[in-house]
C-alpha atoms as a PDB file:
ATOM      1  CA  MET A   1       0.000   0.000   0.000  1.00  0.00           C
ATOM      2  CA  SER A   2       1.093   3.520  -0.710  1.00  0.00           C
ATOM      3  CA  PRO A   3      -0.299   7.063  -0.363  1.00  0.00           C
ATOM      4  CA  ALA A   4      -1.597   6.678  -3.939  1.00  0.00           C
ATOM      5  CA  ASP A   5      -3.932   3.831  -2.903  1.00  0.00           C
ATOM      6  CA  PRO A   6      -7.591   4.599  -2.212  1.00  0.00           C
ATOM      7  CA  ASP A   7      -8.982   4.968   1.282  1.00  0.00           C
ATOM      8  CA  MET A   8      -9.489   1.862   3.367  1.00  0.00           C
ATOM      9  CA  LEU A   9     -12.900   1.706   5.006  1.00  0.00           C
ATOM     10  CA  ALA A  10     -13.875  -0.099   8.186  1.00  0.00           C
ATOM     11  CA  MET A  11     -17.388  -1.434   7.543  1.00  0.00           C
ATOM     12  CA  PRO A  12     -19.197  -2.158  10.835  1.00  0.00           C
ATOM     13  CA  ASP A  13     -20.584  -5.669  11.357  1.00  0.00           C
ATOM     14  CA  ALA A  14     -23.851  -5.099  13.245  1.00  0.00           C
ATOM     15  CA  ASP A  15     -23.951  -8.765  14.327  1.00  0.00           C
ATOM     16  CA  THR A  16     -20.970  -8.083  16.614  1.00  0.00           C
ATOM     17  CA  LEU A  17     -22.575  -5.228  18.577  1.00  0.00           C
ATOM     18  CA  VAL A  18     -21.874  -5.572  22.306  1.00  0.00           C
ATOM     19  CA  ARG A  19     -22.974  -3.191  25.061  1.00  0.00           C
ATOM     20  CA  LEU A  20     -20.032  -2.034  27.150  1.00  0.00           C
ATOM     21  CA  PRO A  21     -20.506  -3.122  30.776  1.00  0.00           C
ATOM     22  CA  TRP A  22     -18.839   0.032  32.152  1.00  0.00           C
ATOM     23  CA  ALA A  23     -20.872   2.388  29.928  1.00  0.00           C
ATOM     24  CA  LYS A  24     -24.403   1.037  29.439  1.00  0.00           C
ATOM     25  CA  ASP A  25     -25.233   3.685  26.825  1.00  0.00           C
ATOM     26  CA  MET A  26     -22.250   2.734  24.608  1.00  0.00           C
ATOM     27  CA  GLY A  27     -21.441  -0.230  22.446  1.00  0.00           C
ATOM     28  CA  TRP A  28     -18.533  -1.826  20.602  1.00  0.00           C
ATOM     29  CA  VAL A  29     -18.740  -3.225  17.097  1.00  0.00           C
ATOM     30  CA  ALA A  30     -16.122  -5.055  15.017  1.00  0.00           C
ATOM     31  CA  SER A  31     -15.475  -3.941  11.453  1.00  0.00           C
ATOM     32  CA  ASN A  32     -14.392  -5.565   8.204  1.00  0.00           C
ATOM     33  CA  LEU A  33     -11.830  -3.740   6.078  1.00  0.00           C
ATOM     34  CA  GLU A  34     -12.654  -2.795   2.474  1.00  0.00           C
ATOM     35  CA  ILE A  35     -10.948  -0.948  -0.375  1.00  0.00           C
ATOM     36  CA  ARG A  36     -12.928   0.179  -3.455  1.00  0.00           C
ATOM     37  CA  GLY A  37     -15.963  -1.726  -2.203  1.00  0.00           C
ATOM     38  CA  GLN A  38     -14.023  -5.015  -2.118  1.00  0.00           C
ATOM     39  CA  GLU A  39     -12.967  -7.009   0.915  1.00  0.00           C
ATOM     40  CA  PHE A  40      -9.356  -6.201   1.886  1.00  0.00           C
ATOM     41  CA  GLN A  41      -7.831  -9.690   1.801  1.00  0.00           C
ATOM     42  CA  GLN A  42      -5.195  -8.918   4.451  1.00  0.00           C
ATOM     43  CA  GLY A  43      -7.741  -7.546   6.959  1.00  0.00           C
ATOM     44  CA  PRO A  44      -7.587  -9.615  10.184  1.00  0.00           C
ATOM     45  CA  ARG A  45     -11.286 -10.526  10.252  1.00  0.00           C
ATOM     46  CA  ASN A  46     -11.241 -11.296   6.527  1.00  0.00           C
ATOM     47  CA  VAL A  47      -8.219 -13.598   6.903  1.00  0.00           C
ATOM     48  CA  LEU A  48      -9.836 -15.387   9.838  1.00  0.00           C
ATOM     49  CA  ARG A  49     -13.139 -15.846   7.978  1.00  0.00           C
ATOM     50  CA  LYS A  50     -11.290 -17.383   5.004  1.00  0.00           C
ATOM     51  CA  LEU A  51      -9.257 -19.731   7.219  1.00  0.00           C
ATOM     52  CA  LEU A  52     -12.374 -20.854   9.087  1.00  0.00           C
ATOM     53  CA  GLY A  53     -14.049 -21.684   5.787  1.00  0.00           C
ATOM     54  CA  ASP A  54     -10.981 -23.519   4.466  1.00  0.00           C
ATOM     55  CA  LEU A  55     -10.628 -25.642   7.622  1.00  0.00           C
ATOM     56  CA  SER A  56     -14.303 -26.506   7.668  1.00  0.00           C
ATOM     57  CA  GLU A  57     -14.497 -27.426   3.972  1.00  0.00           C
ATOM     58  CA  SER A  58     -11.199 -29.270   3.571  1.00  0.00           C
ATOM     59  CA  ARG A  59     -10.968 -31.111   6.897  1.00  0.00           C
ATOM     60  CA  GLY A  60     -14.280 -30.726   8.692  1.00  0.00           C
ATOM     61  CA  TRP A  61     -12.486 -28.944  11.550  1.00  0.00           C
ATOM     62  CA  THR A  62     -13.858 -26.206  13.779  1.00  0.00           C
ATOM     63  CA  LEU A  63     -11.415 -23.550  14.959  1.00  0.00           C
ATOM     64  CA  LYS A  64     -11.749 -22.259  18.493  1.00  0.00           C
ATOM     65  CA  THR A  65      -9.771 -19.191  19.460  1.00  0.00           C
ATOM     66  CA  GLY A  66      -9.698 -16.435  22.036  1.00  0.00           C
ATOM     67  CA  VAL A  67      -8.328 -12.981  22.638  1.00  0.00           C
ATOM     68  CA  GLU A  68      -5.534 -12.166  25.046  1.00  0.00           C
ATOM     69  CA  CYS A  69      -5.938  -8.556  26.087  1.00  0.00           C
ATOM     70  CA  GLU A  70      -2.864  -6.891  27.508  1.00  0.00           C
ATOM     71  CA  PHE A  71      -2.404  -3.482  29.092  1.00  0.00           C
ATOM     72  CA  PHE A  72       0.050  -1.598  31.256  1.00  0.00           C
ATOM     73  CA  LEU A  73      -0.767   0.380  34.384  1.00  0.00           C
ATOM     74  CA  ILE A  74       1.594   3.293  34.840  1.00  0.00           C
ATOM     75  CA  SER A  75       1.394   5.566  37.848  1.00  0.00           C
ATOM     76  CA  PRO A  76       1.229   9.337  37.252  1.00  0.00           C
ATOM     77  CA  ASP A  77       4.599   9.861  38.966  1.00  0.00           C
ATOM     78  CA  ALA A  78       6.290   7.104  36.868  1.00  0.00           C
ATOM     79  CA  SER A  79       7.241   5.049  39.920  1.00  0.00           C
END
C-alpha cells in the first residue's frame, strides 16, 4: 500500500454489537476492512473468515480461538 492507494474503510458488522458493561449507553462493534468496495484480503477478520471456511471445507475442523488482552498500568509519577 502507498499514499496513492484509495482509502481503506472499516465497515461495521452489526452482528458483533456488544454493550459495554462500564458504559451502558455505549457499544462496541467489530469492522471488516474494504478498499474500493471489495474485501481487503489482508484484513484480520477477513483472513480469519477465510481460514475458518478452508478448515471446515477441507478437513471438517472447527477452529476455536480467544483474545488475550494486555495493558500496562503506569502511575502518574512514573514510579
